[in-house]
Each structure stands twice: as structure tokens, then as C-alpha cells.
Amino acid sequence: MFEVGDRVFYGVVGVCEVEDIAAPPIKGIDGKYYYLQPVYDDKGIIYSPVDSKKVSMRTIITKEEAQTFLERARNCKSDELLNQKITPNQYDEMVKSQDTEKLMHLVRFLYDIKNERAKELRKMKSADSRMLVTARKLLYGELAVALGKDYSEMSDLLDQYLGQN
């Protein structure tokens, strides 16, 4: 069980802070719920049942783990896993997995597609482009929070690393 103030990785929303644990202010709903405030989206609170198995939630990675991932991103050209092919059928599975390594692999792969298409003076397919935006948001957000950095700073740095040919 998480505590108020914990930062968690929630579903495909990304990093959220647990603001409260109580019954939500919605008629007919009882029981304990996490009040989750997405760190990079201030549009509203997410109410998630404490005992829910439908949407996965986990603690965010540690600062040390984030530094390891940042180093892998820096050396992504020589990282065999980050340069393996992925089929479009695997995209959703990789995003929903909440696995930081899989997200990094997906971002790297989609940047390769983007760079190849740019060489041919063509745009990415819209589905690939949307998936890149989603995977970047999840990966970069978690690494930024874990390292205590600004999202835009982390975004610029990781785009530079993972977007290289």
C-alpha cells in the first residue's frame, strides 16, 4: 500500500503523487481510493481504488536506477537491446508494461524510424508518432522525477541521446 506523498507510476498516465487516501467525493462510491495527482498534468485528480487490480501501479525507479538508464541512453548506439527491431504489434504491450527498459527500447526504435523517414523526406506514420509521444512522456517523466530534474531538461537530453543515428 502506498502512503500520502509517495510518487507512483500509474497505468499509462505516468508519474503521479498520492495526495490522499479516502473515499472519493462521488455519490454511491465507497471504500478507500488513492487520490492521484499526475505530476506533469494538472487537469485533475485520478481516483484509483486501493485494492484495484485493473490498472497497474508501482513505485517509481530510484535515483540510482535512473542514472543507470541515463547512461544506457547515452550509449544507446552500442546497446544491443536498444537497437533490436520491434513490430507495431508490440508497441501497446511495451507502453502498458510500465517497464522502463522497454519504454527506452521503444523510444529508441521509433526515433530510428523517424530518422530513416526524414532521410527520405517523409513524415512518420501517425500511429508511430502518437506512440513516440506517449512513450517519451512516460519514460522522460519518470526519469525526470527520479533524478529531480525538470521535464524539459530531461526531454532535451534524452532526445539527443536516443534520437541519434
N, C-alpha and C. Protein backbone atom coordinates (compact mmCIF):
# COMPACT_ATOMS: atom_id res chain seq x y z
N MET A 1 0.84 -1.18 0.00
CA MET A 1 0.00 0.00 0.00
C MET A 1 0.89 1.24 0.00
N PHE A 2 0.48 2.22 -0.77
CA PHE A 2 1.23 3.46 -0.85
C PHE A 2 0.75 4.44 0.21
N GLU A 3 1.57 5.42 0.49
CA GLU A 3 1.27 6.43 1.50
C GLU A 3 1.09 7.79 0.85
N VAL A 4 0.43 8.70 1.54
CA VAL A 4 0.29 10.07 1.06
C VAL A 4 1.69 10.65 0.87
N GLY A 5 1.90 11.28 -0.28
CA GLY A 5 3.21 11.87 -0.59
C GLY A 5 4.08 10.98 -1.46
N ASP A 6 3.74 9.70 -1.57
CA ASP A 6 4.51 8.79 -2.43
C ASP A 6 4.33 9.18 -3.89
N ARG A 7 5.35 8.96 -4.66
CA ARG A 7 5.27 9.14 -6.11
C ARG A 7 5.22 7.75 -6.73
N VAL A 8 4.22 7.55 -7.57
CA VAL A 8 3.98 6.24 -8.17
C VAL A 8 3.86 6.37 -9.68
N PHE A 9 4.08 5.26 -10.36
CA PHE A 9 3.87 5.18 -11.80
C PHE A 9 2.52 4.52 -11.98
N TYR A 10 1.56 5.26 -12.56
CA TYR A 10 0.18 4.78 -12.65
C TYR A 10 -0.22 4.55 -14.10
N GLY A 11 -0.60 3.31 -14.42
CA GLY A 11 -1.12 2.98 -15.75
C GLY A 11 -0.32 3.58 -16.87
N VAL A 12 -1.03 4.18 -17.83
CA VAL A 12 -0.35 4.86 -18.94
C VAL A 12 -0.40 6.38 -18.75
N VAL A 13 -0.67 6.80 -17.51
CA VAL A 13 -0.67 8.23 -17.17
C VAL A 13 0.76 8.67 -16.87
N GLY A 14 1.50 7.81 -16.18
CA GLY A 14 2.87 8.14 -15.81
C GLY A 14 2.98 8.42 -14.32
N VAL A 15 3.89 9.31 -13.97
CA VAL A 15 4.18 9.58 -12.56
C VAL A 15 3.08 10.44 -11.94
N CYS A 16 2.59 9.96 -10.80
CA CYS A 16 1.56 10.67 -10.03
C CYS A 16 2.00 10.73 -8.58
N GLU A 17 1.49 11.73 -7.87
CA GLU A 17 1.74 11.82 -6.44
C GLU A 17 0.46 11.45 -5.71
N VAL A 18 0.59 10.62 -4.67
CA VAL A 18 -0.57 10.24 -3.86
C VAL A 18 -0.87 11.42 -2.94
N GLU A 19 -2.01 12.09 -3.18
CA GLU A 19 -2.36 13.27 -2.40
C GLU A 19 -3.21 12.93 -1.19
N ASP A 20 -3.97 11.85 -1.28
CA ASP A 20 -4.83 11.46 -0.17
C ASP A 20 -5.25 10.01 -0.38
N ILE A 21 -5.72 9.40 0.71
CA ILE A 21 -6.29 8.05 0.63
C ILE A 21 -7.59 8.13 1.42
N ALA A 22 -8.72 8.09 0.69
CA ALA A 22 -10.03 8.25 1.32
C ALA A 22 -11.11 7.86 0.32
N ALA A 23 -12.36 7.96 0.76
CA ALA A 23 -13.48 7.73 -0.16
C ALA A 23 -13.59 8.97 -1.05
N PRO A 24 -13.78 8.77 -2.35
CA PRO A 24 -13.87 9.93 -3.25
C PRO A 24 -15.20 10.67 -3.07
N PRO A 25 -15.22 11.95 -3.43
CA PRO A 25 -16.45 12.75 -3.27
C PRO A 25 -17.45 12.51 -4.40
N ILE A 26 -17.75 11.24 -4.65
CA ILE A 26 -18.67 10.86 -5.72
C ILE A 26 -19.77 10.01 -5.10
N LYS A 27 -21.01 10.40 -5.35
CA LYS A 27 -22.15 9.67 -4.76
C LYS A 27 -22.12 8.20 -5.17
N GLY A 28 -22.39 7.34 -4.21
CA GLY A 28 -22.51 5.92 -4.49
C GLY A 28 -21.20 5.15 -4.52
N ILE A 29 -20.09 5.83 -4.30
CA ILE A 29 -18.80 5.14 -4.31
C ILE A 29 -18.24 5.14 -2.88
N ASP A 30 -17.98 3.95 -2.39
CA ASP A 30 -17.43 3.79 -1.05
C ASP A 30 -16.07 3.12 -1.14
N GLY A 31 -15.41 3.02 -0.02
CA GLY A 31 -14.11 2.34 0.04
C GLY A 31 -12.97 3.32 -0.08
N LYS A 32 -11.78 2.80 0.13
CA LYS A 32 -10.58 3.64 0.07
C LYS A 32 -10.07 3.76 -1.36
N TYR A 33 -9.75 4.97 -1.72
CA TYR A 33 -9.21 5.28 -3.03
C TYR A 33 -7.96 6.13 -2.87
N TYR A 34 -7.02 5.93 -3.79
CA TYR A 34 -5.88 6.83 -3.87
C TYR A 34 -6.33 8.06 -4.65
N TYR A 35 -6.00 9.23 -4.15
CA TYR A 35 -6.20 10.47 -4.89
C TYR A 35 -4.86 10.74 -5.55
N LEU A 36 -4.78 10.55 -6.85
CA LEU A 36 -3.52 10.67 -7.57
C LEU A 36 -3.49 11.95 -8.40
N GLN A 37 -2.47 12.75 -8.19
CA GLN A 37 -2.28 13.96 -9.00
C GLN A 37 -1.13 13.69 -9.96
N PRO A 38 -1.42 13.63 -11.28
CA PRO A 38 -0.33 13.44 -12.23
C PRO A 38 0.69 14.58 -12.11
N VAL A 39 1.94 14.23 -12.10
CA VAL A 39 3.00 15.22 -11.89
C VAL A 39 3.08 16.20 -13.06
N TYR A 40 2.88 15.72 -14.28
CA TYR A 40 3.02 16.60 -15.44
C TYR A 40 1.69 16.92 -16.10
N ASP A 41 0.60 16.89 -15.31
CA ASP A 41 -0.71 17.23 -15.82
C ASP A 41 -1.56 17.70 -14.64
N ASP A 42 -1.90 18.96 -14.64
CA ASP A 42 -2.66 19.49 -13.50
C ASP A 42 -4.16 19.62 -13.81
N LYS A 43 -4.65 18.83 -14.75
CA LYS A 43 -6.06 18.92 -15.14
C LYS A 43 -7.00 18.35 -14.09
N GLY A 44 -6.54 17.45 -13.26
CA GLY A 44 -7.44 16.88 -12.27
C GLY A 44 -6.86 15.70 -11.54
N ILE A 45 -7.58 15.29 -10.54
CA ILE A 45 -7.20 14.17 -9.69
C ILE A 45 -7.74 12.87 -10.29
N ILE A 46 -6.98 11.80 -10.17
CA ILE A 46 -7.42 10.47 -10.56
C ILE A 46 -7.76 9.72 -9.28
N TYR A 47 -8.92 9.09 -9.26
CA TYR A 47 -9.33 8.28 -8.12
C TYR A 47 -9.12 6.82 -8.51
N SER A 48 -8.27 6.14 -7.76
CA SER A 48 -7.98 4.74 -8.05
C SER A 48 -8.21 3.90 -6.79
N PRO A 49 -9.04 2.86 -6.87
CA PRO A 49 -9.28 2.02 -5.69
C PRO A 49 -7.96 1.45 -5.14
N VAL A 50 -7.82 1.49 -3.85
CA VAL A 50 -6.61 0.99 -3.20
C VAL A 50 -6.37 -0.47 -3.55
N ASP A 51 -7.44 -1.26 -3.63
CA ASP A 51 -7.29 -2.69 -3.87
C ASP A 51 -7.53 -3.09 -5.33
N SER A 52 -7.43 -2.15 -6.26
CA SER A 52 -7.69 -2.43 -7.67
C SER A 52 -6.57 -3.25 -8.30
N LYS A 53 -6.98 -4.19 -9.14
CA LYS A 53 -6.01 -4.99 -9.90
C LYS A 53 -6.10 -4.65 -11.39
N LYS A 54 -7.05 -3.77 -11.76
CA LYS A 54 -7.28 -3.44 -13.16
C LYS A 54 -6.19 -2.56 -13.75
N VAL A 55 -5.79 -1.53 -13.01
CA VAL A 55 -4.77 -0.62 -13.50
C VAL A 55 -3.53 -0.81 -12.64
N SER A 56 -2.42 -1.08 -13.29
CA SER A 56 -1.22 -1.34 -12.50
C SER A 56 -0.60 -0.04 -12.00
N MET A 57 -0.03 -0.15 -10.83
CA MET A 57 0.61 0.98 -10.18
C MET A 57 1.85 0.45 -9.46
N ARG A 58 2.95 1.18 -9.58
CA ARG A 58 4.18 0.75 -8.92
C ARG A 58 4.94 1.98 -8.44
N THR A 59 5.91 1.76 -7.56
CA THR A 59 6.76 2.87 -7.13
C THR A 59 7.65 3.25 -8.30
N ILE A 60 8.05 4.51 -8.34
CA ILE A 60 8.93 4.93 -9.42
C ILE A 60 10.34 4.41 -9.15
N ILE A 61 11.16 4.43 -10.18
CA ILE A 61 12.52 3.92 -10.04
C ILE A 61 13.32 4.85 -9.12
N THR A 62 14.40 4.33 -8.59
CA THR A 62 15.26 5.12 -7.70
C THR A 62 16.17 6.03 -8.51
N LYS A 63 16.79 6.94 -7.82
CA LYS A 63 17.74 7.86 -8.48
C LYS A 63 18.89 7.06 -9.11
N GLU A 64 19.36 6.04 -8.42
CA GLU A 64 20.47 5.23 -8.93
C GLU A 64 20.05 4.47 -10.19
N GLU A 65 18.85 3.91 -10.17
CA GLU A 65 18.34 3.22 -11.35
C GLU A 65 18.18 4.19 -12.52
N ALA A 66 17.69 5.38 -12.23
CA ALA A 66 17.51 6.40 -13.27
C ALA A 66 18.86 6.79 -13.88
N GLN A 67 19.88 6.91 -13.05
CA GLN A 67 21.21 7.25 -13.56
C GLN A 67 21.74 6.14 -14.46
N THR A 68 21.46 4.89 -14.11
CA THR A 68 21.86 3.76 -14.94
C THR A 68 21.16 3.82 -16.29
N PHE A 69 19.86 4.12 -16.29
CA PHE A 69 19.12 4.25 -17.55
C PHE A 69 19.63 5.42 -18.38
N LEU A 70 19.98 6.50 -17.72
CA LEU A 70 20.51 7.66 -18.43
C LEU A 70 21.83 7.31 -19.11
N GLU A 71 22.65 6.54 -18.43
CA GLU A 71 23.93 6.09 -19.01
C GLU A 71 23.68 5.15 -20.20
N ARG A 72 22.69 4.28 -20.08
CA ARG A 72 22.35 3.40 -21.21
C ARG A 72 21.88 4.22 -22.40
N ALA A 73 21.09 5.24 -22.14
CA ALA A 73 20.60 6.10 -23.22
C ALA A 73 21.78 6.81 -23.89
N ARG A 74 22.73 7.27 -23.09
CA ARG A 74 23.90 7.96 -23.63
C ARG A 74 24.69 7.05 -24.57
N ASN A 75 24.73 5.77 -24.25
CA ASN A 75 25.49 4.80 -25.05
C ASN A 75 24.58 3.90 -25.87
N CYS A 76 23.45 4.42 -26.29
CA CYS A 76 22.44 3.57 -26.95
C CYS A 76 22.90 3.01 -28.29
N LYS A 77 23.82 3.67 -28.95
CA LYS A 77 24.30 3.15 -30.24
C LYS A 77 24.94 1.77 -30.09
N SER A 78 25.61 1.55 -28.96
CA SER A 78 26.30 0.28 -28.77
C SER A 78 25.50 -0.71 -27.92
N ASP A 79 24.29 -0.32 -27.50
CA ASP A 79 23.45 -1.19 -26.68
C ASP A 79 22.63 -2.09 -27.59
N GLU A 80 22.96 -3.37 -27.59
CA GLU A 80 22.33 -4.33 -28.50
C GLU A 80 20.81 -4.37 -28.34
N LEU A 81 20.33 -4.40 -27.09
CA LEU A 81 18.89 -4.47 -26.86
C LEU A 81 18.17 -3.24 -27.42
N LEU A 82 18.72 -2.07 -27.19
CA LEU A 82 18.05 -0.84 -27.61
C LEU A 82 18.02 -0.69 -29.12
N ASN A 83 18.72 -1.51 -29.85
CA ASN A 83 18.75 -1.42 -31.30
C ASN A 83 18.07 -2.60 -31.99
N GLN A 84 17.38 -3.44 -31.23
CA GLN A 84 16.65 -4.55 -31.82
C GLN A 84 15.36 -4.06 -32.45
N LYS A 85 14.90 -4.79 -33.45
CA LYS A 85 13.64 -4.46 -34.13
C LYS A 85 12.44 -4.74 -33.23
N ILE A 86 11.40 -3.95 -33.43
CA ILE A 86 10.13 -4.12 -32.71
C ILE A 86 9.03 -4.10 -33.76
N THR A 87 8.02 -4.93 -33.58
CA THR A 87 6.89 -4.89 -34.51
C THR A 87 5.83 -3.95 -33.94
N PRO A 88 5.03 -3.32 -34.80
CA PRO A 88 3.97 -2.43 -34.31
C PRO A 88 3.02 -3.12 -33.34
N ASN A 89 2.87 -4.43 -33.46
CA ASN A 89 2.01 -5.17 -32.52
C ASN A 89 2.53 -5.11 -31.09
N GLN A 90 3.81 -4.86 -30.91
CA GLN A 90 4.42 -4.84 -29.58
C GLN A 90 4.33 -3.47 -28.92
N TYR A 91 4.03 -2.42 -29.65
CA TYR A 91 4.03 -1.06 -29.11
C TYR A 91 3.15 -0.93 -27.87
N ASP A 92 1.86 -1.28 -28.00
CA ASP A 92 0.93 -1.13 -26.88
C ASP A 92 1.38 -1.93 -25.66
N GLU A 93 1.79 -3.16 -25.91
CA GLU A 93 2.25 -4.04 -24.82
C GLU A 93 3.43 -3.39 -24.07
N MET A 94 4.35 -2.79 -24.83
CA MET A 94 5.52 -2.18 -24.21
C MET A 94 5.14 -0.96 -23.38
N VAL A 95 4.19 -0.17 -23.87
CA VAL A 95 3.74 1.01 -23.12
C VAL A 95 3.01 0.59 -21.86
N LYS A 96 2.13 -0.38 -21.97
CA LYS A 96 1.33 -0.82 -20.82
C LYS A 96 2.16 -1.58 -19.79
N SER A 97 3.32 -2.07 -20.18
CA SER A 97 4.15 -2.87 -19.27
C SER A 97 4.70 -2.06 -18.10
N GLN A 98 4.81 -0.75 -18.24
CA GLN A 98 5.42 0.13 -17.24
C GLN A 98 6.89 -0.22 -17.02
N ASP A 99 7.49 -0.93 -17.94
CA ASP A 99 8.89 -1.33 -17.82
C ASP A 99 9.77 -0.24 -18.45
N THR A 100 10.60 0.38 -17.64
CA THR A 100 11.43 1.49 -18.10
C THR A 100 12.35 1.08 -19.23
N GLU A 101 12.91 -0.11 -19.16
CA GLU A 101 13.79 -0.59 -20.21
C GLU A 101 13.04 -0.77 -21.53
N LYS A 102 11.84 -1.33 -21.46
CA LYS A 102 11.04 -1.50 -22.68
C LYS A 102 10.63 -0.15 -23.26
N LEU A 103 10.31 0.81 -22.41
CA LEU A 103 9.95 2.15 -22.89
C LEU A 103 11.14 2.80 -23.59
N MET A 104 12.32 2.64 -23.02
CA MET A 104 13.51 3.21 -23.63
C MET A 104 13.78 2.55 -24.99
N HIS A 105 13.61 1.24 -25.05
CA HIS A 105 13.79 0.50 -26.30
C HIS A 105 12.81 1.01 -27.36
N LEU A 106 11.55 1.20 -26.95
CA LEU A 106 10.52 1.68 -27.87
C LEU A 106 10.84 3.09 -28.38
N VAL A 107 11.24 3.98 -27.49
CA VAL A 107 11.58 5.35 -27.91
C VAL A 107 12.75 5.32 -28.89
N ARG A 108 13.77 4.55 -28.57
CA ARG A 108 14.94 4.44 -29.45
C ARG A 108 14.52 3.91 -30.83
N PHE A 109 13.71 2.87 -30.84
CA PHE A 109 13.27 2.27 -32.10
C PHE A 109 12.45 3.26 -32.93
N LEU A 110 11.53 3.96 -32.29
CA LEU A 110 10.69 4.92 -33.02
C LEU A 110 11.51 6.11 -33.53
N TYR A 111 12.53 6.52 -32.79
CA TYR A 111 13.41 7.57 -33.29
C TYR A 111 14.18 7.09 -34.52
N ASP A 112 14.56 5.82 -34.53
CA ASP A 112 15.23 5.26 -35.72
C ASP A 112 14.30 5.34 -36.93
N ILE A 113 13.04 5.00 -36.73
CA ILE A 113 12.06 5.09 -37.82
C ILE A 113 11.93 6.54 -38.27
N LYS A 114 11.82 7.44 -37.31
CA LYS A 114 11.67 8.86 -37.64
C LYS A 114 12.86 9.36 -38.45
N ASN A 115 14.06 8.99 -38.03
CA ASN A 115 15.28 9.43 -38.73
C ASN A 115 15.36 8.85 -40.14
N GLU A 116 15.00 7.58 -40.29
CA GLU A 116 15.02 6.95 -41.62
C GLU A 116 14.03 7.62 -42.57
N ARG A 117 12.84 7.89 -42.06
CA ARG A 117 11.83 8.53 -42.90
C ARG A 117 12.24 9.96 -43.24
N ALA A 118 12.90 10.64 -42.32
CA ALA A 118 13.36 12.01 -42.58
C ALA A 118 14.39 12.04 -43.70
N LYS A 119 15.24 11.01 -43.76
CA LYS A 119 16.23 10.91 -44.83
C LYS A 119 15.55 10.82 -46.20
N GLU A 120 14.36 10.21 -46.20
CA GLU A 120 13.59 10.06 -47.44
C GLU A 120 12.62 11.23 -47.64
N LEU A 121 12.75 12.25 -46.78
CA LEU A 121 11.89 13.43 -46.80
C LEU A 121 10.42 13.07 -46.61
N ARG A 122 10.18 12.11 -45.72
CA ARG A 122 8.82 11.67 -45.40
C ARG A 122 8.59 11.80 -43.91
N LYS A 123 7.33 11.96 -43.55
CA LYS A 123 6.96 12.02 -42.13
C LYS A 123 6.73 10.62 -41.59
N MET A 124 6.77 10.52 -40.27
CA MET A 124 6.42 9.26 -39.61
C MET A 124 4.94 8.98 -39.81
N LYS A 125 4.58 7.72 -39.74
CA LYS A 125 3.16 7.36 -39.74
C LYS A 125 2.54 7.93 -38.46
N SER A 126 1.30 8.34 -38.54
CA SER A 126 0.66 8.99 -37.38
C SER A 126 0.60 8.06 -36.16
N ALA A 127 0.39 6.77 -36.37
CA ALA A 127 0.35 5.83 -35.24
C ALA A 127 1.72 5.76 -34.55
N ASP A 128 2.79 5.74 -35.35
CA ASP A 128 4.14 5.72 -34.79
C ASP A 128 4.43 7.02 -34.04
N SER A 129 4.00 8.11 -34.61
CA SER A 129 4.22 9.42 -34.00
C SER A 129 3.50 9.52 -32.65
N ARG A 130 2.25 9.08 -32.60
CA ARG A 130 1.49 9.10 -31.34
C ARG A 130 2.15 8.20 -30.29
N MET A 131 2.62 7.04 -30.72
CA MET A 131 3.25 6.12 -29.78
C MET A 131 4.56 6.71 -29.25
N LEU A 132 5.30 7.41 -30.10
CA LEU A 132 6.54 8.06 -29.67
C LEU A 132 6.23 9.12 -28.61
N VAL A 133 5.21 9.91 -28.83
CA VAL A 133 4.82 10.94 -27.86
C VAL A 133 4.47 10.30 -26.52
N THR A 134 3.68 9.24 -26.55
CA THR A 134 3.26 8.55 -25.32
C THR A 134 4.44 7.93 -24.59
N ALA A 135 5.28 7.20 -25.31
CA ALA A 135 6.43 6.53 -24.69
C ALA A 135 7.41 7.55 -24.12
N ARG A 136 7.63 8.65 -24.84
CA ARG A 136 8.52 9.71 -24.34
C ARG A 136 7.98 10.30 -23.04
N LYS A 137 6.68 10.59 -23.02
CA LYS A 137 6.07 11.19 -21.83
C LYS A 137 6.26 10.29 -20.62
N LEU A 138 6.02 9.00 -20.79
CA LEU A 138 6.14 8.07 -19.67
C LEU A 138 7.59 7.90 -19.22
N LEU A 139 8.48 7.65 -20.16
CA LEU A 139 9.89 7.42 -19.84
C LEU A 139 10.55 8.68 -19.29
N TYR A 140 10.44 9.78 -20.02
CA TYR A 140 11.12 11.01 -19.63
C TYR A 140 10.57 11.55 -18.31
N GLY A 141 9.26 11.40 -18.12
CA GLY A 141 8.66 11.88 -16.88
C GLY A 141 9.18 11.14 -15.66
N GLU A 142 9.27 9.82 -15.78
CA GLU A 142 9.76 9.03 -14.64
C GLU A 142 11.23 9.34 -14.35
N LEU A 143 12.04 9.41 -15.39
CA LEU A 143 13.46 9.71 -15.18
C LEU A 143 13.65 11.12 -14.60
N ALA A 144 12.87 12.08 -15.07
CA ALA A 144 12.98 13.45 -14.56
C ALA A 144 12.64 13.50 -13.07
N VAL A 145 11.56 12.86 -12.67
CA VAL A 145 11.16 12.86 -11.27
C VAL A 145 12.20 12.12 -10.42
N ALA A 146 12.65 10.97 -10.88
CA ALA A 146 13.63 10.18 -10.12
C ALA A 146 14.94 10.93 -9.92
N LEU A 147 15.33 11.71 -10.92
CA LEU A 147 16.60 12.45 -10.84
C LEU A 147 16.43 13.87 -10.29
N GLY A 148 15.18 14.26 -10.04
CA GLY A 148 14.91 15.61 -9.52
C GLY A 148 15.22 16.70 -10.54
N LYS A 149 15.00 16.40 -11.81
CA LYS A 149 15.28 17.35 -12.88
C LYS A 149 13.98 17.85 -13.49
N ASP A 150 14.10 18.93 -14.24
CA ASP A 150 12.97 19.49 -14.96
C ASP A 150 12.66 18.60 -16.16
N TYR A 151 11.36 18.45 -16.48
CA TYR A 151 10.96 17.58 -17.59
C TYR A 151 11.57 18.04 -18.91
N SER A 152 11.55 19.33 -19.18
CA SER A 152 12.06 19.81 -20.48
C SER A 152 13.57 19.59 -20.59
N GLU A 153 14.28 19.72 -19.49
CA GLU A 153 15.72 19.45 -19.49
C GLU A 153 15.99 17.97 -19.79
N MET A 154 15.21 17.09 -19.15
CA MET A 154 15.36 15.65 -19.36
C MET A 154 14.97 15.29 -20.79
N SER A 155 13.92 15.92 -21.28
CA SER A 155 13.45 15.67 -22.64
C SER A 155 14.52 16.03 -23.66
N ASP A 156 15.12 17.19 -23.51
CA ASP A 156 16.18 17.62 -24.44
C ASP A 156 17.36 16.65 -24.42
N LEU A 157 17.77 16.26 -23.21
CA LEU A 157 18.91 15.37 -23.06
C LEU A 157 18.63 13.99 -23.67
N LEU A 158 17.49 13.40 -23.33
CA LEU A 158 17.19 12.06 -23.83
C LEU A 158 16.88 12.05 -25.32
N ASP A 159 16.28 13.12 -25.84
CA ASP A 159 16.07 13.20 -27.28
C ASP A 159 17.41 13.20 -28.01
N GLN A 160 18.36 13.89 -27.42
CA GLN A 160 19.70 13.95 -28.01
C GLN A 160 20.34 12.55 -28.01
N TYR A 161 20.22 11.84 -26.90
CA TYR A 161 20.82 10.51 -26.79
C TYR A 161 20.10 9.47 -27.64
N LEU A 162 18.79 9.35 -27.43
CA LEU A 162 18.02 8.28 -28.07
C LEU A 162 17.70 8.55 -29.54
N GLY A 163 17.76 9.80 -29.96
CA GLY A 163 17.43 10.15 -31.32
C GLY A 163 18.61 10.08 -32.28
N GLN A 164 19.78 9.72 -31.75
CA GLN A 164 20.98 9.68 -32.62
C GLN A 164 20.97 8.45 -33.51
N ASN A 165 21.54 8.64 -34.69
CA ASN A 165 21.64 7.53 -35.64
C ASN A 165 22.82 6.64 -35.34
